Amino acid sequence: MTAQTILPANTLASDSYAVDNSVRLFADTLMTMTPSGAPTNADISTLSFWTKISGLGTNRSPIFAASNGGGVHFRTDDKVDFYNAGGSLRTTQLFRDTSAWYHIVFRTDTTDGTANDRLRVYVNGTQVTDFAARSNPDQNANTHFGSAAEHHIGCNNDAANFFNGYLAEVCFIDGLSLGPDSFGEFDSDSGIWKPIKVSGLTFGNNGFYLEFKDGSNLGDELKGTQTADWSETNLAATDQSTDTCTNNFATLNPLITGANFVFSDNNLVIAQSATNWDSAYSTMGVTSGKWYMEFKGKVGAYFDVGVTDIINAAGNVSQNSGCVAYKSNGEFARAGAVGDGLPSSITDPASSSYGVNDIIGIALDVDNEAVYFSKNGTYEVNSDPESGASKTGAVTLPNSNSLYFFAVAAYKGSAASGTAQVNFGGGSVDAISSGNADADGHGNFEFAVPSGYFALCTKNLAEYG
């Protein structure tokens, strides 16, 4: 089954349902809750959620678990295990797309006389019927979900392994076995699976709905009859994100990078573990429009940031034959400028050097083939990203009619690591002190987005990309 991003084209009507927030889970973040009463039906339940995964090939632990045995567990081989009521399912398909949102529905009805229908799974609106392993629960076995046991989001029962990814629209229905059409629908124009409002659903005694709208109370429970919200552990307001299943933001891509980079914080942070250069690239590329992002070095002194139309798995982005990069020593590197495929540095006029905690803004104007760099809100070499075709102070893109990606490179040097973070607008690792969105209200940046430039997300790509 192919993963689908939401949405790649401007196909939704203006009154379509929009999901505003998600929660970022990683490292040691989790949420817990123990239902306060008896379930509506101990044999029947439905779990629905949207997720964008961030890590591969590691024990990503349960997205959701009941301490008495139920759970949804992303495995080290990138398959998914589903457990409930003493039964289990293991997918044959691999979940390896870190740039897209998946919708998963896990449906339990142990009263069903057909053994294979007691546990059912749907991904992006389509039922999964091929499993690597299957164990059906006994008829009329009680479900673990919705029982009096402690329930976990983002970790396993002993809080030793943690999920790494985003969650949105988490729904648990106590007492009803529902298909995916209760939570989503296929878009009539694009055919892509998209969420719908769930406000009309009956959640039952121990059901719940989490939409993560309150950054100060991410466990706020909006539906169901529970008297207490979910308790958050190690979650902060910065773990609320606008990267959702209806507006997917770029992150760094862990699938195309040097072997020495360690990705964390939902692919917004990279750390260089070896004494050499490596690069990482945005999950989204552009061939037109004007786009903005921010970069901040956290540890170390050697960074290069910019754009490129050549993706190399290792090495410094400033060595790519189609790059424009701003180097931490204050130079601009523009590869391919002399026609021989080798980098040529532009140092006249010289720009400012930058280091740890400086915020570098990158304004990419693909339409006019220009790149502008700012340091802590001031554009270098008196450049003007709003100058359009005149390209005042810009560095010209080396290649025309190309697909350009944002890119960052780091070198360990004598520091413990070369660590840096990015902000494409969907969420920031550090708190934003000012808060600046683009003209369409998308993104959250430390400094003002230049007029006519936009955050790199699917809603903006549909309109301007």
Protein backbone atom coordinates (compact mmCIF):
# COMPACT_ATOMS: atom_id res chain seq x y z
CA MET A 1 0.00 0.00 0.00
CA THR A 2 1.37 3.39 -0.97
CA ALA A 3 1.47 6.17 1.62
CA GLN A 4 -0.26 9.38 0.63
CA THR A 5 0.47 12.94 1.65
CA ILE A 6 -2.41 15.24 2.56
CA LEU A 7 -2.83 17.17 0.30
CA PRO A 8 -0.53 17.43 -2.74
CA ALA A 9 -2.86 19.59 -4.82
CA ASN A 10 -5.39 22.34 -4.30
CA THR A 11 -8.36 20.03 -4.59
CA LEU A 12 -10.32 20.66 -1.42
CA ALA A 13 -13.34 22.90 -1.25
CA SER A 14 -13.07 25.90 1.04
CA ASP A 15 -15.43 24.31 3.58
CA SER A 16 -13.38 21.10 3.90
CA TYR A 17 -12.40 20.04 7.38
CA ALA A 18 -9.00 21.29 8.54
CA VAL A 19 -6.93 19.76 11.34
CA ASP A 20 -5.07 22.59 13.04
CA ASN A 21 -2.71 20.83 15.44
CA SER A 22 -0.76 17.70 16.19
CA VAL A 23 1.55 16.64 19.02
CA ARG A 24 5.24 15.80 18.55
CA LEU A 25 6.34 12.70 20.46
CA PHE A 26 9.98 11.62 20.83
CA ALA A 27 12.69 10.66 23.33
CA ASP A 28 10.93 10.53 26.72
CA THR A 29 7.56 12.15 25.98
CA LEU A 30 4.34 10.34 26.81
CA MET A 31 0.75 10.70 28.00
CA THR A 32 -1.16 8.47 30.43
CA MET A 33 -4.76 8.03 31.55
CA THR A 34 -6.75 5.41 33.49
CA PRO A 35 -10.46 5.18 32.61
CA SER A 36 -12.64 6.06 35.57
CA GLY A 37 -15.58 3.74 35.00
CA ALA A 38 -16.83 0.59 33.34
CA PRO A 39 -16.67 0.44 29.53
CA THR A 40 -19.84 0.74 27.48
CA ASN A 41 -19.07 -2.66 25.92
CA ALA A 42 -16.07 -4.70 27.02
CA ASP A 43 -15.98 -6.60 23.71
CA ILE A 44 -16.21 -3.83 21.10
CA SER A 45 -14.05 -0.75 20.41
CA THR A 46 -12.43 1.36 17.66
CA LEU A 47 -9.13 3.26 17.70
CA SER A 48 -8.45 5.87 15.00
CA PHE A 49 -5.46 8.20 14.64
CA TRP A 50 -3.34 10.05 12.07
CA THR A 51 0.44 9.77 12.33
CA LYS A 52 3.57 11.02 10.60
CA ILE A 53 6.51 8.83 11.63
CA SER A 54 9.96 10.29 12.22
CA GLY A 55 12.31 7.36 12.82
CA LEU A 56 12.98 4.09 11.02
CA GLY A 57 14.68 0.82 11.86
CA THR A 58 14.48 1.26 15.62
CA ASN A 59 12.09 0.15 18.32
CA ARG A 60 9.57 2.96 17.97
CA SER A 61 7.33 1.38 20.59
CA PRO A 62 3.56 1.73 20.88
CA ILE A 63 1.71 4.75 19.66
CA PHE A 64 -1.07 3.54 21.91
CA ALA A 65 -1.07 0.88 24.64
CA ALA A 66 -3.13 -0.45 27.53
CA SER A 67 -1.00 -1.73 30.38
CA ASN A 68 -2.91 -5.02 30.49
CA GLY A 69 -1.83 -6.06 27.02
CA GLY A 70 -3.31 -4.08 24.09
CA GLY A 71 -1.35 -1.82 21.79
CA VAL A 72 -0.33 -0.50 18.38
CA HIS A 73 3.41 -1.01 18.03
CA PHE A 74 5.77 0.17 15.27
CA ARG A 75 8.52 -2.46 15.04
CA THR A 76 12.26 -2.35 14.32
CA ASP A 77 11.59 -3.86 10.87
CA ASP A 78 9.10 -1.02 10.15
CA LYS A 79 6.09 -3.32 10.24
CA VAL A 80 3.25 -2.65 12.70
CA ASP A 81 1.85 -4.97 15.38
CA PHE A 82 -1.74 -4.61 16.60
CA TYR A 83 -2.78 -6.27 19.88
CA ASN A 84 -6.14 -6.38 21.60
CA ALA A 85 -8.41 -8.85 23.43
CA GLY A 86 -5.72 -11.56 23.38
CA GLY A 87 -5.34 -11.44 19.58
CA SER A 88 -2.72 -9.87 17.35
CA LEU A 89 -2.03 -8.79 13.76
CA ARG A 90 1.33 -7.99 12.14
CA THR A 91 1.44 -6.19 8.81
CA THR A 92 3.47 -7.35 5.83
CA GLN A 93 3.64 -3.78 4.54
CA LEU A 94 6.41 -1.53 5.77
CA PHE A 95 5.77 1.95 7.13
CA ARG A 96 8.80 3.91 5.91
CA ASP A 97 7.50 7.18 4.52
CA THR A 98 8.69 9.89 6.92
CA SER A 99 7.30 12.71 4.77
CA ALA A 100 3.62 11.67 4.69
CA TRP A 101 0.72 11.23 7.08
CA TYR A 102 -0.92 7.83 7.58
CA HIS A 103 -4.46 7.28 8.87
CA ILE A 104 -4.85 4.06 10.86
CA VAL A 105 -8.07 2.53 12.19
CA PHE A 106 -7.90 -0.51 14.50
CA ARG A 107 -11.31 -2.10 14.91
CA THR A 108 -12.21 -4.74 17.55
CA ASP A 109 -15.42 -6.79 17.82
CA THR A 110 -14.93 -10.11 19.57
CA THR A 111 -18.68 -10.84 19.38
CA ASP A 112 -18.28 -11.44 15.64
CA GLY A 113 -18.78 -15.08 14.65
CA THR A 114 -16.17 -14.74 11.87
CA ALA A 115 -12.79 -15.08 13.58
CA ASN A 116 -10.92 -12.97 11.02
CA ASP A 117 -13.35 -10.08 11.56
CA ARG A 118 -12.75 -9.75 15.29
CA LEU A 119 -9.66 -7.61 14.66
CA ARG A 120 -9.55 -5.39 11.54
CA VAL A 121 -7.06 -2.75 10.42
CA TYR A 122 -7.39 0.02 7.82
CA VAL A 123 -4.65 2.29 6.44
CA ASN A 124 -5.60 5.42 4.50
CA GLY A 125 -9.16 4.22 4.10
CA THR A 126 -8.35 0.73 2.78
CA GLN A 127 -8.63 -2.50 4.75
CA VAL A 128 -5.42 -4.45 5.28
CA THR A 129 -6.00 -8.14 4.60
CA ASP A 130 -2.48 -9.53 4.18
CA PHE A 131 -0.63 -10.12 7.44
CA ALA A 132 2.79 -11.53 8.29
CA ALA A 133 1.36 -13.00 11.49
CA ARG A 134 -2.15 -13.36 12.84
CA SER A 135 -3.74 -14.62 16.05
CA ASN A 136 -7.48 -14.15 16.39
CA PRO A 137 -9.00 -13.44 19.82
CA ASP A 138 -11.51 -15.82 21.33
CA GLN A 139 -15.13 -15.01 20.70
CA ASN A 140 -16.51 -12.59 23.32
CA ALA A 141 -13.05 -11.95 24.78
CA ASN A 142 -12.82 -8.63 26.60
CA THR A 143 -10.82 -5.87 24.93
CA HIS A 144 -7.82 -4.31 26.64
CA PHE A 145 -8.63 -0.91 25.21
CA GLY A 146 -11.11 1.00 27.35
CA SER A 147 -10.62 -1.25 30.38
CA ALA A 148 -9.68 -0.05 33.87
CA ALA A 149 -5.96 -0.44 33.08
CA GLU A 150 -3.65 2.53 32.63
CA HIS A 151 -3.48 3.64 29.00
CA HIS A 152 -0.39 5.11 27.35
CA ILE A 153 0.18 7.29 24.29
CA GLY A 154 3.74 7.45 22.95
CA CYS A 155 5.37 4.66 24.96
CA ASN A 156 5.12 1.05 26.08
CA ASN A 157 3.77 -0.05 29.42
CA ASP A 158 7.01 0.38 31.38
CA ALA A 159 7.82 3.73 29.70
CA ALA A 160 11.14 2.36 28.45
CA ASN A 161 10.67 2.72 24.69
CA PHE A 162 9.11 5.74 23.04
CA PHE A 163 7.36 6.55 19.79
CA ASN A 164 9.06 9.01 17.46
CA GLY A 165 6.58 10.93 15.33
CA TYR A 166 3.52 13.16 15.13
CA LEU A 167 -0.05 12.29 16.17
CA ALA A 168 -3.30 14.04 15.25
CA GLU A 169 -7.04 13.38 15.64
CA VAL A 170 -6.69 10.53 18.15
CA CYS A 171 -10.11 8.94 18.70
CA PHE A 172 -11.14 5.97 20.82
CA ILE A 173 -14.72 4.73 20.52
CA ASP A 174 -15.92 2.55 23.39
CA GLY A 175 -18.73 0.19 22.44
CA LEU A 176 -18.83 0.58 18.64
CA SER A 177 -16.94 -1.13 15.83
CA LEU A 178 -16.52 1.53 13.15
CA GLY A 179 -14.92 1.54 9.73
CA PRO A 180 -12.63 4.27 8.40
CA ASP A 181 -15.49 6.18 6.78
CA SER A 182 -16.48 7.40 10.25
CA PHE A 183 -13.20 9.32 10.38
CA GLY A 184 -12.27 10.12 6.78
CA GLU A 185 -13.25 10.05 3.12
CA PHE A 186 -11.65 9.95 -0.30
CA ASP A 187 -11.43 13.36 -1.94
CA SER A 188 -13.66 13.39 -5.00
CA ASP A 189 -11.09 15.19 -7.18
CA SER A 190 -7.72 13.78 -6.12
CA GLY A 191 -8.78 10.41 -4.71
CA ILE A 192 -6.64 11.06 -1.62
CA TRP A 193 -7.85 9.99 1.80
CA LYS A 194 -8.62 12.98 4.05
CA PRO A 195 -10.08 13.49 7.55
CA ILE A 196 -13.66 14.50 8.31
CA LYS A 197 -15.23 15.97 11.45
CA VAL A 198 -15.82 13.42 14.18
CA SER A 199 -18.01 15.66 16.34
CA GLY A 200 -21.10 13.59 15.55
CA LEU A 201 -19.69 10.32 16.88
CA THR A 202 -20.80 8.65 20.11
CA PHE A 203 -17.63 7.95 22.13
CA GLY A 204 -19.08 5.81 24.92
CA ASN A 205 -18.22 5.70 28.60
CA ASN A 206 -14.46 5.32 28.23
CA GLY A 207 -13.98 6.85 24.80
CA PHE A 208 -11.96 9.97 24.11
CA TYR A 209 -10.95 12.46 21.43
CA LEU A 210 -7.64 14.33 21.50
CA GLU A 211 -6.99 17.14 19.02
CA PHE A 212 -4.05 18.85 20.81
CA LYS A 213 -5.38 22.39 20.44
CA ASP A 214 -4.18 23.66 23.84
CA GLY A 215 -0.40 23.87 23.93
CA SER A 216 -0.49 24.27 27.71
CA ASN A 217 -2.70 21.18 28.12
CA LEU A 218 -1.98 18.78 25.27
CA GLY A 219 -3.85 15.98 27.05
CA ASP A 220 -7.12 17.92 27.09
CA GLU A 221 -9.89 15.42 26.42
CA LEU A 222 -12.65 16.87 24.27
CA LYS A 223 -15.11 13.99 24.07
CA GLY A 224 -16.19 11.05 26.19
CA THR A 225 -17.19 11.00 29.84
CA GLN A 226 -13.75 10.86 31.48
CA THR A 227 -13.45 13.25 34.38
CA ALA A 228 -9.67 13.72 34.06
CA ASP A 229 -7.50 14.73 31.13
CA TRP A 230 -4.52 12.73 29.98
CA SER A 231 -1.41 13.41 32.06
CA GLU A 232 1.58 14.66 30.08
CA THR A 233 5.18 13.71 30.83
CA ASN A 234 8.02 15.82 29.38
CA LEU A 235 5.67 17.53 26.93
CA ALA A 236 5.81 21.31 26.49
CA ALA A 237 4.05 23.91 24.40
CA THR A 238 6.80 23.54 21.77
CA ASP A 239 5.60 19.96 21.24
CA GLN A 240 2.35 21.27 19.78
CA SER A 241 2.70 21.46 16.00
CA THR A 242 0.76 22.81 13.03
CA ASP A 243 2.17 19.97 10.90
CA THR A 244 -1.00 17.93 10.39
CA CYS A 245 -2.82 15.55 8.08
CA THR A 246 -4.45 18.49 6.28
CA ASN A 247 -1.34 20.67 6.06
CA ASN A 248 1.86 18.65 5.88
CA PHE A 249 5.06 20.65 6.55
CA ALA A 250 8.56 19.86 5.37
CA THR A 251 11.10 18.40 7.80
CA LEU A 252 14.63 17.12 7.23
CA ASN A 253 14.71 13.80 5.40
CA PRO A 254 16.38 10.97 7.40
CA LEU A 255 16.28 8.68 4.35
CA ILE A 256 18.77 10.74 2.31
CA THR A 257 21.70 11.90 4.39
CA GLY A 258 25.26 11.14 5.43
CA ALA A 259 25.86 8.09 7.60
CA ASN A 260 27.17 10.16 10.53
CA PHE A 261 24.08 12.27 11.17
CA VAL A 262 21.76 11.44 14.06
CA PHE A 263 18.23 12.80 13.64
CA SER A 264 16.06 13.76 16.62
CA ASP A 265 13.12 15.94 17.65
CA ASN A 266 10.98 14.62 14.80
CA ASN A 267 13.62 15.30 12.14
CA LEU A 268 14.01 18.95 13.10
CA VAL A 269 17.44 18.42 14.71
CA ILE A 270 20.61 16.82 13.33
CA ALA A 271 23.82 16.00 15.18
CA GLN A 272 27.11 15.22 13.44
CA SER A 273 28.81 12.31 15.22
CA ALA A 274 32.07 12.21 13.21
CA THR A 275 34.84 14.68 12.44
CA ASN A 276 33.76 15.41 8.89
CA TRP A 277 30.96 17.05 6.90
CA ASP A 278 27.52 15.58 6.23
CA SER A 279 24.35 17.14 4.83
CA ALA A 280 20.61 16.76 5.26
CA TYR A 281 17.83 17.89 2.93
CA SER A 282 14.19 18.96 3.17
CA THR A 283 11.51 16.36 2.49
CA MET A 284 9.90 18.72 -0.05
CA GLY A 285 11.40 20.35 -3.11
CA VAL A 286 10.12 23.24 -5.23
CA THR A 287 10.30 24.26 -8.88
CA SER A 288 8.52 27.61 -8.55
CA GLY A 289 7.34 30.11 -5.95
CA LYS A 290 9.01 31.85 -3.00
CA TRP A 291 9.83 29.97 0.20
CA TYR A 292 11.22 30.71 3.66
CA MET A 293 12.77 28.68 6.49
CA GLU A 294 15.01 29.27 9.55
CA PHE A 295 18.17 27.50 10.76
CA LYS A 296 19.94 27.62 14.14
CA GLY A 297 23.25 26.06 15.13
CA LYS A 298 23.22 24.61 18.65
CA VAL A 299 26.63 22.96 19.19
CA GLY A 300 29.83 23.43 17.21
CA ALA A 301 31.15 26.19 14.97
CA TYR A 302 31.02 24.91 11.40
CA PHE A 303 27.78 24.96 9.42
CA ASP A 304 26.69 25.51 5.81
CA VAL A 305 23.03 26.21 5.00
CA GLY A 306 21.28 26.91 1.72
CA VAL A 307 19.56 25.31 -1.24
CA THR A 308 20.53 22.73 -3.82
CA ASP A 309 19.13 20.82 -6.78
CA ILE A 310 21.69 18.03 -6.35
CA ILE A 311 21.18 15.56 -3.50
CA ASN A 312 24.28 13.79 -2.22
CA ALA A 313 24.01 11.29 0.62
CA ALA A 314 27.28 12.45 2.17
CA GLY A 315 29.62 15.43 2.14
CA ASN A 316 29.05 19.15 2.37
CA VAL A 317 26.10 20.69 0.53
CA SER A 318 28.38 23.56 -0.55
CA GLN A 319 30.25 21.04 -2.73
CA ASN A 320 27.10 20.13 -4.69
CA SER A 321 27.20 21.34 -8.28
CA GLY A 322 23.81 23.05 -7.99
CA CYS A 323 24.02 24.71 -4.58
CA VAL A 324 23.93 28.15 -3.01
CA ALA A 325 25.12 28.06 0.60
CA TYR A 326 25.84 30.49 3.41
CA LYS A 327 28.90 29.27 5.29
CA SER A 328 29.43 29.94 9.00
CA ASN A 329 32.76 31.64 8.19
CA GLY A 330 30.79 34.35 6.37
CA GLU A 331 31.28 33.23 2.78
CA PHE A 332 28.61 32.51 0.22
CA ALA A 333 29.29 29.40 -1.86
CA ARG A 334 27.74 29.09 -5.30
CA ALA A 335 28.69 25.88 -7.07
CA GLY A 336 28.83 25.62 -10.82
CA ALA A 337 29.21 29.38 -11.26
CA VAL A 338 32.26 29.04 -13.52
CA GLY A 339 30.85 26.20 -15.58
CA ASP A 340 33.22 23.47 -14.43
CA GLY A 341 31.05 21.91 -11.72
CA LEU A 342 33.35 23.11 -8.92
CA PRO A 343 32.38 25.47 -6.10
CA SER A 344 33.32 29.13 -6.36
CA SER A 345 33.05 31.29 -3.24
CA ILE A 346 31.47 34.72 -3.43
CA THR A 347 33.05 36.97 -0.82
CA ASP A 348 32.63 40.45 -2.29
CA PRO A 349 30.91 42.00 -0.51
CA ALA A 350 31.65 39.77 2.48
CA SER A 351 28.79 38.67 4.70
CA SER A 352 28.82 38.15 8.47
CA SER A 353 30.03 34.96 10.09
CA TYR A 354 27.55 33.17 12.34
CA GLY A 355 27.67 30.68 15.17
CA VAL A 356 25.73 28.93 17.90
CA ASN A 357 22.21 30.36 18.52
CA ASP A 358 22.34 32.73 15.56
CA ILE A 359 19.20 32.28 13.47
CA ILE A 360 19.77 32.17 9.71
CA GLY A 361 16.77 32.87 7.51
CA ILE A 362 16.78 31.48 3.97
CA ALA A 363 14.48 33.12 1.42
CA LEU A 364 14.38 31.14 -1.83
CA ASP A 365 12.86 32.90 -4.86
CA VAL A 366 12.69 30.17 -7.49
CA ASP A 367 10.70 32.34 -9.89
CA ASN A 368 13.56 34.85 -10.14
CA GLU A 369 16.30 32.26 -9.49
CA ALA A 370 17.57 34.05 -6.38
CA VAL A 371 18.50 33.23 -2.78
CA TYR A 372 18.71 35.64 0.17
CA PHE A 373 20.14 35.01 3.63
CA SER A 374 19.43 36.83 6.88
CA LYS A 375 21.23 36.68 10.21
CA ASN A 376 19.01 37.30 13.23
CA GLY A 377 16.48 39.12 11.08
CA THR A 378 18.88 41.32 9.07
CA TYR A 379 19.51 40.40 5.44
CA GLU A 380 23.17 40.04 4.55
CA VAL A 381 25.08 42.28 2.11
CA ASN A 382 22.16 44.75 2.03
CA SER A 383 20.10 42.26 0.08
CA ASP A 384 16.36 42.65 -0.40
CA PRO A 385 14.29 39.46 -0.80
CA GLU A 386 11.31 41.55 -1.92
CA SER A 387 13.20 43.12 -4.85
CA GLY A 388 11.81 40.64 -7.37
CA ALA A 389 13.42 40.55 -10.82
CA SER A 390 16.09 43.10 -9.87
CA LYS A 391 17.43 40.59 -7.29
CA THR A 392 19.08 43.22 -5.09
CA GLY A 393 22.01 41.63 -3.25
CA ALA A 394 20.84 38.11 -4.12
CA VAL A 395 22.93 35.06 -4.93
CA THR A 396 21.68 33.67 -8.25
CA LEU A 397 20.73 30.01 -8.49
CA PRO A 398 23.29 28.07 -10.56
CA ASN A 399 20.74 26.12 -12.60
CA SER A 400 17.44 27.10 -14.19
CA ASN A 401 14.25 25.01 -14.24
CA SER A 402 15.45 22.71 -11.46
CA LEU A 403 13.88 21.11 -8.39
CA TYR A 404 15.43 22.85 -5.37
CA PHE A 405 15.62 21.59 -1.79
CA PHE A 406 16.65 23.36 1.39
CA ALA A 407 19.81 21.83 2.86
CA VAL A 408 21.97 22.00 5.98
CA ALA A 409 25.49 20.71 6.62
CA ALA A 410 27.43 20.38 9.88
CA TYR A 411 30.99 19.52 10.89
CA LYS A 412 31.88 18.13 14.30
CA GLY A 413 35.33 19.68 14.72
CA SER A 414 36.56 19.85 18.31
CA ALA A 415 33.03 20.11 19.74
CA ALA A 416 31.11 17.16 21.14
CA SER A 417 28.99 17.23 17.99
CA GLY A 418 27.92 19.53 15.21
CA THR A 419 24.28 20.00 16.18
CA ALA A 420 21.74 22.21 14.45
CA GLN A 421 17.99 22.62 14.17
CA VAL A 422 15.61 23.80 11.49
CA ASN A 423 12.19 25.40 11.43
CA PHE A 424 10.06 25.02 8.30
CA GLY A 425 7.11 26.56 10.13
CA GLY A 426 5.33 23.43 11.34
CA GLY A 427 7.02 23.44 14.72
CA SER A 428 10.09 24.74 16.48
CA VAL A 429 12.29 22.89 18.97
CA ASP A 430 12.99 26.14 20.83
CA ALA A 431 10.23 28.45 21.94
CA ILE A 432 9.46 31.24 19.47
CA SER A 433 9.74 34.58 21.24
CA SER A 434 7.91 36.69 18.67
CA GLY A 435 5.86 34.50 16.35
CA ASN A 436 5.59 35.28 12.65
CA ALA A 437 3.41 33.50 10.09
CA ASP A 438 3.42 33.92 6.32
CA ALA A 439 0.76 36.02 4.57
CA ASP A 440 -1.65 33.09 4.51
CA GLY A 441 -1.26 32.47 8.24
CA HIS A 442 0.86 29.33 7.91
CA GLY A 443 4.00 28.66 9.92
CA ASN A 444 5.51 30.08 13.08
CA PHE A 445 8.92 31.72 12.73
CA GLU A 446 11.19 33.84 14.94
CA PHE A 447 11.55 36.59 12.32
CA ALA A 448 9.17 38.13 9.81
CA VAL A 449 8.57 36.20 6.60
CA PRO A 450 9.36 38.46 3.61
CA SER A 451 6.33 39.61 1.66
CA GLY A 452 5.41 37.09 -1.03
CA TYR A 453 7.31 34.21 0.61
CA PHE A 454 5.66 31.22 2.26
CA ALA A 455 6.30 28.32 4.62
CA LEU A 456 7.06 25.01 2.89
CA CYS A 457 3.84 23.04 3.43
CA THR A 458 1.28 21.30 1.23
CA LYS A 459 -1.35 24.05 1.47
CA ASN A 460 1.15 26.60 0.21
CA LEU A 461 2.52 24.21 -2.42
CA ALA A 462 -1.01 23.74 -3.73
CA GLU A 463 -1.42 27.51 -4.06
CA TYR A 464 2.03 28.77 -5.00
CA GLY A 465 4.28 25.82 -5.87
